Amino acid sequence: MKSTVLYPPVATFFGTGYFPVFPGTVASLVVAMLHGFIGTASSPLILAAALAAGFPAAGQFEKASGIRDDGRIVIDEVAGMELALILAGGGWSTVIIIFVLFRFFDIIKPFPAFQAQALNGAVGIFIDDLIAGLYAAGAYAALRYFILGRYGL
């Protein structure tokens, strides 16, 4: 990788993208833990920072590495996970369920996520994760309405 990359810490979410296996899952887990410990108050700020700083960082990292949607770029998972957590609200049980749902939707990439990731640059890097975040929040809302509400979760 060229040394001209200005934002590798942001694009890799402070190195979690270099984790040897499942770096996207590791980044999502870190976000879930931060959200669980810090709470919901900082989530909009984290999402805004992930988008504002992550968008140019991801684009620059991808360009410098020469790898389309480089697996080391995980700031997009941060944005998608935070979006889902913001929409879902709730405590630790919600965080755990959202983590599982987000990873599921991020991996299987249902329509239009799979198609959207074909877009060039940072847009293609981020859009599928934001869609996965929307799917995770929607699935959680349905799960909560139809199942979890009966058990007080």
Protein backbone atom coordinates (compact mmCIF):
# COMPACT_ATOMS: atom_id res chain seq x y z
CA MET A 1 0.00 0.00 0.00
CA LYS A 2 1.25 3.47 -0.84
CA SER A 3 2.25 5.78 1.98
CA THR A 4 0.15 8.55 0.41
CA VAL A 5 -2.93 7.15 2.14
CA LEU A 6 -3.89 9.78 4.68
CA TYR A 7 -6.68 7.96 6.46
CA PRO A 8 -5.82 4.29 7.07
CA PRO A 9 -6.78 4.47 10.77
CA VAL A 10 -10.25 5.73 9.88
CA ALA A 11 -10.83 3.37 6.93
CA THR A 12 -9.71 0.37 9.00
CA PHE A 13 -11.52 1.62 12.13
CA PHE A 14 -8.28 2.03 14.03
CA GLY A 15 -6.80 -1.24 12.86
CA THR A 16 -9.73 -3.64 13.27
CA GLY A 17 -9.72 -4.04 9.49
CA TYR A 18 -6.35 -5.77 9.79
CA PHE A 19 -7.80 -8.54 11.96
CA PRO A 20 -6.80 -11.78 10.18
CA VAL A 21 -10.29 -13.32 10.13
CA PHE A 22 -13.69 -11.66 9.77
CA PRO A 23 -12.54 -8.04 10.13
CA GLY A 24 -16.04 -6.73 9.39
CA THR A 25 -17.47 -8.83 12.19
CA VAL A 26 -14.75 -7.65 14.56
CA ALA A 27 -15.48 -3.99 13.71
CA SER A 28 -19.21 -4.57 14.19
CA LEU A 29 -18.56 -6.24 17.54
CA VAL A 30 -16.43 -3.30 18.70
CA VAL A 31 -19.24 -0.91 17.71
CA ALA A 32 -21.78 -3.07 19.56
CA MET A 33 -19.64 -3.08 22.69
CA LEU A 34 -19.06 0.67 22.52
CA HIS A 35 -22.76 1.25 22.03
CA GLY A 36 -23.60 -1.04 24.94
CA PHE A 37 -21.19 0.66 27.31
CA ILE A 38 -21.54 4.28 26.16
CA GLY A 39 -25.24 4.17 25.34
CA THR A 40 -27.33 5.73 22.64
CA ALA A 41 -26.47 9.39 23.27
CA SER A 42 -23.25 9.27 21.23
CA SER A 43 -24.56 7.06 18.41
CA PRO A 44 -25.64 9.86 16.06
CA LEU A 45 -22.20 11.45 16.49
CA ILE A 46 -20.45 8.15 15.78
CA LEU A 47 -22.58 7.60 12.68
CA ALA A 48 -21.94 11.16 11.47
CA ALA A 49 -18.19 10.78 12.05
CA ALA A 50 -18.13 7.38 10.32
CA LEU A 51 -19.81 8.90 7.28
CA ALA A 52 -18.00 12.26 7.22
CA ALA A 53 -14.50 10.93 7.87
CA GLY A 54 -15.01 7.39 6.62
CA PHE A 55 -16.34 8.23 3.19
CA PRO A 56 -13.18 10.00 1.96
CA ALA A 57 -10.93 7.63 3.92
CA ALA A 58 -12.52 4.54 2.37
CA GLY A 59 -12.30 5.98 -1.12
CA GLN A 60 -8.67 6.95 -0.68
CA PHE A 61 -7.74 3.61 0.92
CA GLU A 62 -9.40 1.69 -1.93
CA LYS A 63 -7.67 3.81 -4.56
CA ALA A 64 -4.25 3.43 -2.90
CA SER A 65 -4.58 -0.32 -2.37
CA GLY A 66 -5.93 -0.93 -5.87
CA ILE A 67 -8.40 -3.46 -4.41
CA ARG A 68 -12.10 -2.84 -5.05
CA ASP A 69 -13.98 -2.73 -1.71
CA ASP A 70 -10.80 -3.79 0.12
CA GLY A 71 -11.72 -6.10 3.03
CA ARG A 72 -9.55 -4.05 5.36
CA ILE A 73 -11.97 -1.14 4.99
CA VAL A 74 -14.42 -1.64 7.83
CA ILE A 75 -15.60 1.91 8.57
CA ASP A 76 -18.63 1.06 6.44
CA GLU A 77 -19.58 -1.65 8.94
CA VAL A 78 -19.31 0.95 11.69
CA ALA A 79 -21.78 3.20 9.85
CA GLY A 80 -24.23 0.38 9.06
CA MET A 81 -24.13 -1.04 12.57
CA GLU A 82 -24.62 2.40 14.16
CA LEU A 83 -27.54 3.12 11.84
CA ALA A 84 -29.23 -0.10 12.92
CA LEU A 85 -28.56 0.59 16.61
CA ILE A 86 -29.91 4.14 16.37
CA LEU A 87 -33.10 2.96 14.69
CA ALA A 88 -33.62 0.05 17.10
CA GLY A 89 -32.84 1.81 20.40
CA GLY A 90 -32.81 -0.28 23.56
CA GLY A 91 -30.29 -1.88 25.87
CA TRP A 92 -27.86 -4.80 25.79
CA SER A 93 -30.38 -7.38 24.56
CA THR A 94 -31.17 -5.11 21.61
CA VAL A 95 -27.46 -4.57 20.90
CA ILE A 96 -26.83 -8.31 20.78
CA ILE A 97 -29.80 -9.00 18.51
CA ILE A 98 -28.92 -6.09 16.21
CA PHE A 99 -25.33 -7.33 15.98
CA VAL A 100 -26.51 -10.78 14.82
CA LEU A 101 -29.10 -9.35 12.42
CA PHE A 102 -26.70 -6.79 10.97
CA ARG A 103 -23.98 -9.38 10.32
CA PHE A 104 -26.58 -11.68 8.73
CA PHE A 105 -27.86 -9.01 6.35
CA ASP A 106 -24.37 -7.68 5.64
CA ILE A 107 -23.19 -11.15 4.66
CA ILE A 108 -26.18 -12.28 2.57
CA LYS A 109 -26.71 -8.81 1.00
CA PRO A 110 -30.39 -9.01 0.01
CA PHE A 111 -31.73 -6.80 -2.77
CA PRO A 112 -30.77 -4.01 -3.34
CA ALA A 113 -27.60 -4.28 -1.20
CA PHE A 114 -25.79 -6.72 -3.50
CA GLN A 115 -26.55 -4.63 -6.58
CA ALA A 116 -25.68 -1.34 -4.83
CA GLN A 117 -22.21 -2.50 -3.83
CA ALA A 118 -21.31 -2.51 -7.52
CA LEU A 119 -21.28 1.30 -7.45
CA ASN A 120 -17.81 2.79 -7.70
CA GLY A 121 -15.67 4.11 -4.87
CA ALA A 122 -16.85 4.96 -1.39
CA VAL A 123 -20.51 4.94 -2.44
CA GLY A 124 -20.26 1.25 -3.34
CA ILE A 125 -18.30 0.53 -0.17
CA PHE A 126 -20.85 2.15 2.15
CA ILE A 127 -24.24 1.63 0.54
CA ASP A 128 -24.58 -2.12 1.09
CA ASP A 129 -23.75 -1.73 4.80
CA LEU A 130 -26.24 1.08 5.26
CA ILE A 131 -28.89 -1.06 3.56
CA ALA A 132 -27.93 -3.97 5.84
CA GLY A 133 -28.39 -1.61 8.80
CA LEU A 134 -31.87 -0.70 7.59
CA TYR A 135 -32.75 -4.37 7.10
CA ALA A 136 -31.42 -5.25 10.57
CA ALA A 137 -33.44 -2.48 12.22
CA GLY A 138 -36.57 -3.50 10.30
CA ALA A 139 -36.14 -7.16 11.15
CA TYR A 140 -35.59 -6.24 14.80
CA ALA A 141 -38.77 -4.13 14.83
CA ALA A 142 -40.76 -7.05 13.40
CA LEU A 143 -39.11 -9.50 15.79
CA ARG A 144 -39.84 -7.24 18.73
CA TYR A 145 -43.45 -6.67 17.70
CA PHE A 146 -44.33 -10.28 16.96
CA ILE A 147 -42.11 -12.27 19.35
CA LEU A 148 -39.95 -10.44 21.86
CA GLY A 149 -42.77 -8.24 23.21
CA ARG A 150 -44.46 -11.33 24.58
CA TYR A 151 -41.40 -12.04 26.74
CA GLY A 152 -40.71 -8.46 27.83
CA LEU A 153 -37.50 -8.12 25.80
